[in-house]
Amino acid sequence: DAFHPRFMFHKTTSYQELSAEWKKAFDELYDDYFFKRQDELWREQGMLKLPAMKSASRMLVCGEDLGFIPACVPDVMSTTSII
């Protein structure tokens, strides 16, 4: 119940030593945890924090792709009018 995969564990030497079967199992766990189970949390946090950021300043708020994009991001950015 307390286990969760390390972000970017694919780059560890431990992962590299696993068999193809174990790699597949860890990949599925990783994808489920970060891209499915956490999506609603990302949405909620975005909808909580992004409007506050926008209202705190007249500056243009924009997003940048840093490689990890939860499925909810395009909708949240559109809803909050963030470029």
PDB file of N, CA and C in Angstrom:
ATOM      1  N   ASP A   1       0.804  -1.212   0.000  1.00  0.00           N
ATOM      2  CA  ASP A   1       0.000   0.000   0.000  1.00  0.00           C
ATOM      3  C   ASP A   1       0.841   1.268   0.000  1.00  0.00           C
ATOM      4  N   ALA A   2       2.087   1.198   0.421  1.00  0.00           N
ATOM      5  CA  ALA A   2       2.917   2.385   0.518  1.00  0.00           C
ATOM      6  C   ALA A   2       3.898   2.485  -0.647  1.00  0.00           C
ATOM      7  N   PHE A   3       3.862   1.544  -1.575  1.00  0.00           N
ATOM      8  CA  PHE A   3       4.810   1.556  -2.685  1.00  0.00           C
ATOM      9  C   PHE A   3       4.319   2.424  -3.822  1.00  0.00           C
ATOM     10  N   HIS A   4       5.220   3.173  -4.397  1.00  0.00           N
ATOM     11  CA  HIS A   4       4.946   3.840  -5.663  1.00  0.00           C
ATOM     12  C   HIS A   4       6.255   3.880  -6.443  1.00  0.00           C
ATOM     13  N   PRO A   5       6.183   3.819  -7.766  1.00  0.00           N
ATOM     14  CA  PRO A   5       7.418   3.776  -8.563  1.00  0.00           C
ATOM     15  C   PRO A   5       8.157   5.102  -8.533  1.00  0.00           C
ATOM     16  N   ARG A   6       9.439   5.013  -8.632  1.00  0.00           N
ATOM     17  CA  ARG A   6      10.300   6.195  -8.700  1.00  0.00           C
ATOM     18  C   ARG A   6      10.121   6.836 -10.062  1.00  0.00           C
ATOM     19  N   PHE A   7      10.039   8.142 -10.097  1.00  0.00           N
ATOM     20  CA  PHE A   7       9.931   8.849 -11.360  1.00  0.00           C
ATOM     21  C   PHE A   7      11.203   8.613 -12.166  1.00  0.00           C
ATOM     22  N   MET A   8      11.057   8.251 -13.429  1.00  0.00           N
ATOM     23  CA  MET A   8      12.165   7.985 -14.351  1.00  0.00           C
ATOM     24  C   MET A   8      13.044   6.808 -13.908  1.00  0.00           C
ATOM     25  N   PHE A   9      12.428   5.798 -13.315  1.00  0.00           N
ATOM     26  CA  PHE A   9      13.204   4.634 -12.859  1.00  0.00           C
ATOM     27  C   PHE A   9      13.829   3.870 -14.021  1.00  0.00           C
ATOM     28  N   HIS A  10      13.363   4.134 -15.230  1.00  0.00           N
ATOM     29  CA  HIS A  10      13.895   3.451 -16.414  1.00  0.00           C
ATOM     30  C   HIS A  10      15.391   3.674 -16.603  1.00  0.00           C
ATOM     31  N   LYS A  11      15.885   4.747 -16.037  1.00  0.00           N
ATOM     32  CA  LYS A  11      17.299   5.088 -16.228  1.00  0.00           C
ATOM     33  C   LYS A  11      18.210   4.487 -15.161  1.00  0.00           C
ATOM     34  N   THR A  12      17.650   3.757 -14.200  1.00  0.00           N
ATOM     35  CA  THR A  12      18.480   3.194 -13.134  1.00  0.00           C
ATOM     36  C   THR A  12      19.179   1.920 -13.612  1.00  0.00           C
ATOM     37  N   THR A  13      20.304   1.623 -13.006  1.00  0.00           N
ATOM     38  CA  THR A  13      21.013   0.387 -13.353  1.00  0.00           C
ATOM     39  C   THR A  13      20.216  -0.832 -12.900  1.00  0.00           C
ATOM     40  N   SER A  14      19.474  -0.695 -11.814  1.00  0.00           N
ATOM     41  CA  SER A  14      18.646  -1.815 -11.348  1.00  0.00           C
ATOM     42  C   SER A  14      17.621  -2.216 -12.410  1.00  0.00           C
ATOM     43  N   TYR A  15      16.986  -1.219 -13.007  1.00  0.00           N
ATOM     44  CA  TYR A  15      16.002  -1.500 -14.052  1.00  0.00           C
ATOM     45  C   TYR A  15      16.676  -2.167 -15.249  1.00  0.00           C
ATOM     46  N   GLN A  16      17.836  -1.692 -15.620  1.00  0.00           N
ATOM     47  CA  GLN A  16      18.550  -2.245 -16.775  1.00  0.00           C
ATOM     48  C   GLN A  16      18.889  -3.719 -16.591  1.00  0.00           C
ATOM     49  N   GLU A  17      19.034  -4.150 -15.345  1.00  0.00           N
ATOM     50  CA  GLU A  17      19.385  -5.543 -15.047  1.00  0.00           C
ATOM     51  C   GLU A  17      18.180  -6.487 -15.047  1.00  0.00           C
ATOM     52  N   LEU A  18      16.974  -5.951 -15.100  1.00  0.00           N
ATOM     53  CA  LEU A  18      15.769  -6.793 -15.070  1.00  0.00           C
ATOM     54  C   LEU A  18      15.569  -7.545 -16.382  1.00  0.00           C
ATOM     55  N   SER A  19      14.866  -8.655 -16.277  1.00  0.00           N
ATOM     56  CA  SER A  19      14.495  -9.406 -17.486  1.00  0.00           C
ATOM     57  C   SER A  19      13.426  -8.612 -18.242  1.00  0.00           C
ATOM     58  N   ALA A  20      13.193  -8.958 -19.478  1.00  0.00           N
ATOM     59  CA  ALA A  20      12.178  -8.282 -20.292  1.00  0.00           C
ATOM     60  C   ALA A  20      10.797  -8.397 -19.642  1.00  0.00           C
ATOM     61  N   GLU A  21      10.520  -9.543 -19.054  1.00  0.00           N
ATOM     62  CA  GLU A  21       9.224  -9.753 -18.394  1.00  0.00           C
ATOM     63  C   GLU A  21       9.046  -8.794 -17.216  1.00  0.00           C
ATOM     64  N   TRP A  22      10.076  -8.652 -16.384  1.00  0.00           N
ATOM     65  CA  TRP A  22      10.008  -7.746 -15.231  1.00  0.00           C
ATOM     66  C   TRP A  22       9.952  -6.290 -15.689  1.00  0.00           C
ATOM     67  N   LYS A  23      10.689  -5.948 -16.734  1.00  0.00           N
ATOM     68  CA  LYS A  23      10.645  -4.583 -17.262  1.00  0.00           C
ATOM     69  C   LYS A  23       9.234  -4.240 -17.723  1.00  0.00           C
ATOM     70  N   LYS A  24       8.607  -5.179 -18.416  1.00  0.00           N
ATOM     71  CA  LYS A  24       7.236  -4.960 -18.889  1.00  0.00           C
ATOM     72  C   LYS A  24       6.294  -4.731 -17.714  1.00  0.00           C
ATOM     73  N   ALA A  25       6.423  -5.530 -16.664  1.00  0.00           N
ATOM     74  CA  ALA A  25       5.564  -5.392 -15.480  1.00  0.00           C
ATOM     75  C   ALA A  25       5.778  -4.028 -14.813  1.00  0.00           C
ATOM     76  N   PHE A  26       7.035  -3.616 -14.654  1.00  0.00           N
ATOM     77  CA  PHE A  26       7.316  -2.314 -14.044  1.00  0.00           C
ATOM     78  C   PHE A  26       6.848  -1.175 -14.928  1.00  0.00           C
ATOM     79  N   ASP A  27       6.997  -1.309 -16.236  1.00  0.00           N
ATOM     80  CA  ASP A  27       6.524  -0.274 -17.159  1.00  0.00           C
ATOM     81  C   ASP A  27       5.019  -0.081 -17.040  1.00  0.00           C
ATOM     82  N   GLU A  28       4.279  -1.175 -16.932  1.00  0.00           N
ATOM     83  CA  GLU A  28       2.823  -1.090 -16.790  1.00  0.00           C
ATOM     84  C   GLU A  28       2.443  -0.432 -15.471  1.00  0.00           C
ATOM     85  N   LEU A  29       3.136  -0.785 -14.401  1.00  0.00           N
ATOM     86  CA  LEU A  29       2.885  -0.174 -13.092  1.00  0.00           C
ATOM     87  C   LEU A  29       3.173   1.324 -13.151  1.00  0.00           C
ATOM     88  N   TYR A  30       4.293   1.682 -13.740  1.00  0.00           N
ATOM     89  CA  TYR A  30       4.708   3.079 -13.872  1.00  0.00           C
ATOM     90  C   TYR A  30       3.664   3.883 -14.651  1.00  0.00           C
ATOM     91  N   ASP A  31       3.266   3.375 -15.818  1.00  0.00           N
ATOM     92  CA  ASP A  31       2.277   4.078 -16.644  1.00  0.00           C
ATOM     93  C   ASP A  31       0.949   4.236 -15.915  1.00  0.00           C
ATOM     94  N   ASP A  32       0.512   3.187 -15.245  1.00  0.00           N
ATOM     95  CA  ASP A  32      -0.742   3.258 -14.511  1.00  0.00           C
ATOM     96  C   ASP A  32      -0.674   4.294 -13.394  1.00  0.00           C
ATOM     97  N   TYR A  33       0.415   4.267 -12.646  1.00  0.00           N
ATOM     98  CA  TYR A  33       0.542   5.168 -11.502  1.00  0.00           C
ATOM     99  C   TYR A  33       0.646   6.628 -11.930  1.00  0.00           C
ATOM    100  N   PHE A  34       1.548   6.941 -12.832  1.00  0.00           N
ATOM    101  CA  PHE A  34       1.790   8.342 -13.182  1.00  0.00           C
ATOM    102  C   PHE A  34       0.809   8.903 -14.206  1.00  0.00           C
ATOM    103  N   PHE A  35       0.318   8.088 -15.133  1.00  0.00           N
ATOM    104  CA  PHE A  35      -0.497   8.627 -16.220  1.00  0.00           C
ATOM    105  C   PHE A  35      -1.980   8.318 -16.116  1.00  0.00           C
ATOM    106  N   LYS A  36      -2.385   7.450 -15.207  1.00  0.00           N
ATOM    107  CA  LYS A  36      -3.807   7.148 -15.058  1.00  0.00           C
ATOM    108  C   LYS A  36      -4.303   7.516 -13.666  1.00  0.00           C
ATOM    109  N   ARG A  37      -3.738   6.898 -12.635  1.00  0.00           N
ATOM    110  CA  ARG A  37      -4.226   7.132 -11.269  1.00  0.00           C
ATOM    111  C   ARG A  37      -4.015   8.565 -10.797  1.00  0.00           C
ATOM    112  N   GLN A  38      -3.014   9.248 -11.294  1.00  0.00           N
ATOM    113  CA  GLN A  38      -2.701  10.594 -10.819  1.00  0.00           C
ATOM    114  C   GLN A  38      -3.348  11.701 -11.654  1.00  0.00           C
ATOM    115  N   ASP A  39      -3.993  11.356 -12.750  1.00  0.00           N
ATOM    116  CA  ASP A  39      -4.504  12.372 -13.668  1.00  0.00           C
ATOM    117  C   ASP A  39      -5.498  13.317 -13.002  1.00  0.00           C
ATOM    118  N   GLU A  40      -6.417  12.784 -12.216  1.00  0.00           N
ATOM    119  CA  GLU A  40      -7.404  13.651 -11.563  1.00  0.00           C
ATOM    120  C   GLU A  40      -6.744  14.565 -10.538  1.00  0.00           C
ATOM    121  N   LEU A  41      -5.714  14.075  -9.852  1.00  0.00           N
ATOM    122  CA  LEU A  41      -4.963  14.914  -8.914  1.00  0.00           C
ATOM    123  C   LEU A  41      -4.297  16.074  -9.652  1.00  0.00           C
ATOM    124  N   TRP A  42      -3.678  15.785 -10.803  1.00  0.00           N
ATOM    125  CA  TRP A  42      -3.056  16.847 -11.595  1.00  0.00           C
ATOM    126  C   TRP A  42      -4.104  17.874 -12.025  1.00  0.00           C
ATOM    127  N   ARG A  43      -5.275  17.390 -12.453  1.00  0.00           N
ATOM    128  CA  ARG A  43      -6.357  18.294 -12.882  1.00  0.00           C
ATOM    129  C   ARG A  43      -6.789  19.196 -11.721  1.00  0.00           C
ATOM    130  N   GLU A  44      -7.064  18.590 -10.578  1.00  0.00           N
ATOM    131  CA  GLU A  44      -7.515  19.356  -9.412  1.00  0.00           C
ATOM    132  C   GLU A  44      -6.482  20.407  -9.007  1.00  0.00           C
ATOM    133  N   GLN A  45      -5.224  20.026  -8.967  1.00  0.00           N
ATOM    134  CA  GLN A  45      -4.174  20.960  -8.560  1.00  0.00           C
ATOM    135  C   GLN A  45      -4.003  22.084  -9.586  1.00  0.00           C
ATOM    136  N   GLY A  46      -4.107  21.735 -10.857  1.00  0.00           N
ATOM    137  CA  GLY A  46      -4.017  22.760 -11.890  1.00  0.00           C
ATOM    138  C   GLY A  46      -5.148  23.765 -11.791  1.00  0.00           C
ATOM    139  N   MET A  47      -6.361  23.266 -11.588  1.00  0.00           N
ATOM    140  CA  MET A  47      -7.520  24.151 -11.499  1.00  0.00           C
ATOM    141  C   MET A  47      -7.506  24.971 -10.206  1.00  0.00           C
ATOM    142  N   LEU A  48      -6.823  24.510  -9.211  1.00  0.00           N
ATOM    143  CA  LEU A  48      -6.683  25.258  -7.958  1.00  0.00           C
ATOM    144  C   LEU A  48      -5.598  26.334  -8.077  1.00  0.00           C
ATOM    145  N   LYS A  49      -4.460  25.975  -8.624  1.00  0.00           N
ATOM    146  CA  LYS A  49      -3.296  26.866  -8.608  1.00  0.00           C
ATOM    147  C   LYS A  49      -3.195  27.813  -9.802  1.00  0.00           C
ATOM    148  N   LEU A  50      -3.552  27.350 -10.982  1.00  0.00           N
ATOM    149  CA  LEU A  50      -3.349  28.184 -12.171  1.00  0.00           C
ATOM    150  C   LEU A  50      -4.218  29.442 -12.183  1.00  0.00           C
ATOM    151  N   PRO A  51      -5.506  29.375 -11.847  1.00  0.00           N
ATOM    152  CA  PRO A  51      -6.282  30.619 -11.784  1.00  0.00           C
ATOM    153  C   PRO A  51      -5.725  31.606 -10.751  1.00  0.00           C
ATOM    154  N   ALA A  52      -5.218  31.096  -9.632  1.00  0.00           N
ATOM    155  CA  ALA A  52      -4.626  31.977  -8.619  1.00  0.00           C
ATOM    156  C   ALA A  52      -3.385  32.666  -9.172  1.00  0.00           C
ATOM    157  N   MET A  53      -2.570  31.931  -9.910  1.00  0.00           N
ATOM    158  CA  MET A  53      -1.378  32.527 -10.515  1.00  0.00           C
ATOM    159  C   MET A  53      -1.769  33.622 -11.513  1.00  0.00           C
ATOM    160  N   LYS A  54      -2.770  33.334 -12.328  1.00  0.00           N
ATOM    161  CA  LYS A  54      -3.194  34.303 -13.334  1.00  0.00           C
ATOM    162  C   LYS A  54      -3.744  35.570 -12.698  1.00  0.00           C
ATOM    163  N   SER A  55      -4.504  35.426 -11.626  1.00  0.00           N
ATOM    164  CA  SER A  55      -5.122  36.605 -11.016  1.00  0.00           C
ATOM    165  C   SER A  55      -4.133  37.417 -10.183  1.00  0.00           C
ATOM    166  N   ALA A  56      -2.985  36.869  -9.862  1.00  0.00           N
ATOM    167  CA  ALA A  56      -1.994  37.556  -9.039  1.00  0.00           C
ATOM    168  C   ALA A  56      -1.152  38.548  -9.844  1.00  0.00           C
ATOM    169  N   SER A  57      -1.259  38.508 -11.163  1.00  0.00           N
ATOM    170  CA  SER A  57      -0.404  39.354 -11.982  1.00  0.00           C
ATOM    171  C   SER A  57      -1.074  39.623 -13.330  1.00  0.00           C
ATOM    172  N   ARG A  58      -0.644  40.683 -13.961  1.00  0.00           N
ATOM    173  CA  ARG A  58      -1.132  40.966 -15.310  1.00  0.00           C
ATOM    174  C   ARG A  58      -0.236  40.323 -16.359  1.00  0.00           C
ATOM    175  N   MET A  59       0.788  39.587 -15.914  1.00  0.00           N
ATOM    176  CA  MET A  59       1.691  38.935 -16.862  1.00  0.00           C
ATOM    177  C   MET A  59       0.976  37.810 -17.609  1.00  0.00           C
ATOM    178  N   LEU A  60       1.439  37.520 -18.800  1.00  0.00           N
ATOM    179  CA  LEU A  60       0.922  36.420 -19.602  1.00  0.00           C
ATOM    180  C   LEU A  60       1.459  35.109 -19.042  1.00  0.00           C
ATOM    181  N   VAL A  61       0.576  34.197 -18.718  1.00  0.00           N
ATOM    182  CA  VAL A  61       0.988  32.895 -18.189  1.00  0.00           C
ATOM    183  C   VAL A  61       0.980  31.904 -19.345  1.00  0.00           C
ATOM    184  N   CYS A  62       2.089  31.184 -19.505  1.00  0.00           N
ATOM    185  CA  CYS A  62       2.156  30.183 -20.560  1.00  0.00           C
ATOM    186  C   CYS A  62       2.800  28.917 -20.021  1.00  0.00           C
ATOM    187  N   GLY A  63       2.528  27.797 -20.667  1.00  0.00           N
ATOM    188  CA  GLY A  63       3.069  26.514 -20.251  1.00  0.00           C
ATOM    189  C   GLY A  63       4.213  26.096 -21.160  1.00  0.00           C
ATOM    190  N   GLU A  64       5.041  25.220 -20.641  1.00  0.00           N
ATOM    191  CA  GLU A  64       6.167  24.708 -21.414  1.00  0.00           C
ATOM    192  C   GLU A  64       6.210  23.196 -21.275  1.00  0.00           C
ATOM    193  N   ASP A  65       6.421  22.517 -22.365  1.00  0.00           N
ATOM    194  CA  ASP A  65       6.520  21.061 -22.373  1.00  0.00           C
ATOM    195  C   ASP A  65       7.894  20.654 -21.862  1.00  0.00           C
ATOM    196  N   LEU A  66       7.926  20.084 -20.669  1.00  0.00           N
ATOM    197  CA  LEU A  66       9.183  19.616 -20.097  1.00  0.00           C
ATOM    198  C   LEU A  66       9.287  18.103 -20.139  1.00  0.00           C
ATOM    199  N   GLY A  67       8.399  17.473 -20.920  1.00  0.00           N
ATOM    200  CA  GLY A  67       8.512  16.039 -21.140  1.00  0.00           C
ATOM    201  C   GLY A  67       7.485  15.183 -20.435  1.00  0.00           C
ATOM    202  N   PHE A  68       6.906  15.643 -19.359  1.00  0.00           N
ATOM    203  CA  PHE A  68       5.914  14.854 -18.622  1.00  0.00           C
ATOM    204  C   PHE A  68       4.601  15.612 -18.710  1.00  0.00           C
ATOM    205  N   ILE A  69       3.680  15.118 -19.541  1.00  0.00           N
ATOM    206  CA  ILE A  69       2.434  15.832 -19.752  1.00  0.00           C
ATOM    207  C   ILE A  69       1.251  14.914 -19.438  1.00  0.00           C
ATOM    208  N   PRO A  70       0.640  15.083 -18.271  1.00  0.00           N
ATOM    209  CA  PRO A  70      -0.552  14.299 -17.961  1.00  0.00           C
ATOM    210  C   PRO A  70      -1.660  14.584 -18.976  1.00  0.00           C
ATOM    211  N   ALA A  71      -2.550  13.641 -19.180  1.00  0.00           N
ATOM    212  CA  ALA A  71      -3.605  13.760 -20.185  1.00  0.00           C
ATOM    213  C   ALA A  71      -4.515  14.965 -19.959  1.00  0.00           C
ATOM    214  N   CYS A  72      -4.654  15.405 -18.716  1.00  0.00           N
ATOM    215  CA  CYS A  72      -5.557  16.505 -18.398  1.00  0.00           C
ATOM    216  C   CYS A  72      -4.992  17.880 -18.763  1.00  0.00           C
ATOM    217  N   VAL A  73      -3.721  17.985 -19.044  1.00  0.00           N
ATOM    218  CA  VAL A  73      -3.076  19.288 -19.228  1.00  0.00           C
ATOM    219  C   VAL A  73      -3.690  20.120 -20.356  1.00  0.00           C
ATOM    220  N   PRO A  74      -3.889  19.599 -21.563  1.00  0.00           N
ATOM    221  CA  PRO A  74      -4.466  20.451 -22.603  1.00  0.00           C
ATOM    222  C   PRO A  74      -5.824  21.041 -22.216  1.00  0.00           C
ATOM    223  N   ASP A  75      -6.684  20.249 -21.592  1.00  0.00           N
ATOM    224  CA  ASP A  75      -7.999  20.734 -21.168  1.00  0.00           C
ATOM    225  C   ASP A  75      -7.882  21.797 -20.081  1.00  0.00           C
ATOM    226  N   VAL A  76      -7.023  21.565 -19.102  1.00  0.00           N
ATOM    227  CA  VAL A  76      -6.842  22.532 -18.010  1.00  0.00           C
ATOM    228  C   VAL A  76      -6.276  23.834 -18.562  1.00  0.00           C
ATOM    229  N   MET A  77      -5.311  23.737 -19.462  1.00  0.00           N
ATOM    230  CA  MET A  77      -4.742  24.956 -20.046  1.00  0.00           C
ATOM    231  C   MET A  77      -5.782  25.707 -20.871  1.00  0.00           C
ATOM    232  N   SER A  78      -6.599  24.992 -21.593  1.00  0.00           N
ATOM    233  CA  SER A  78      -7.644  25.630 -22.384  1.00  0.00           C
ATOM    234  C   SER A  78      -8.680  26.285 -21.468  1.00  0.00           C
ATOM    235  N   THR A  79      -9.105  25.566 -20.441  1.00  0.00           N
ATOM    236  CA  THR A  79     -10.110  26.083 -19.497  1.00  0.00           C
ATOM    237  C   THR A  79      -9.620  27.352 -18.789  1.00  0.00           C
ATOM    238  N   THR A  80      -8.338  27.395 -18.472  1.00  0.00           N
ATOM    239  CA  THR A  80      -7.778  28.539 -17.752  1.00  0.00           C
ATOM    240  C   THR A  80      -7.159  29.575 -18.695  1.00  0.00           C
ATOM    241  N   SER A  81      -7.314  29.376 -19.999  1.00  0.00           N
ATOM    242  CA  SER A  81      -6.801  30.292 -21.029  1.00  0.00           C
ATOM    243  C   SER A  81      -5.303  30.530 -20.903  1.00  0.00           C
ATOM    244  N   ILE A  82      -4.579  29.449 -20.705  1.00  0.00           N
ATOM    245  CA  ILE A  82      -3.121  29.517 -20.644  1.00  0.00           C
ATOM    246  C   ILE A  82      -2.559  29.018 -21.955  1.00  0.00           C
ATOM    247  N   ILE A  83      -1.611  29.762 -22.495  1.00  0.00           N
ATOM    248  CA  ILE A  83      -0.997  29.403 -23.769  1.00  0.00           C
ATOM    249  C   ILE A  83      -0.112  28.192 -23.592  1.00  0.00           C
TER     250      ILE A  83
END
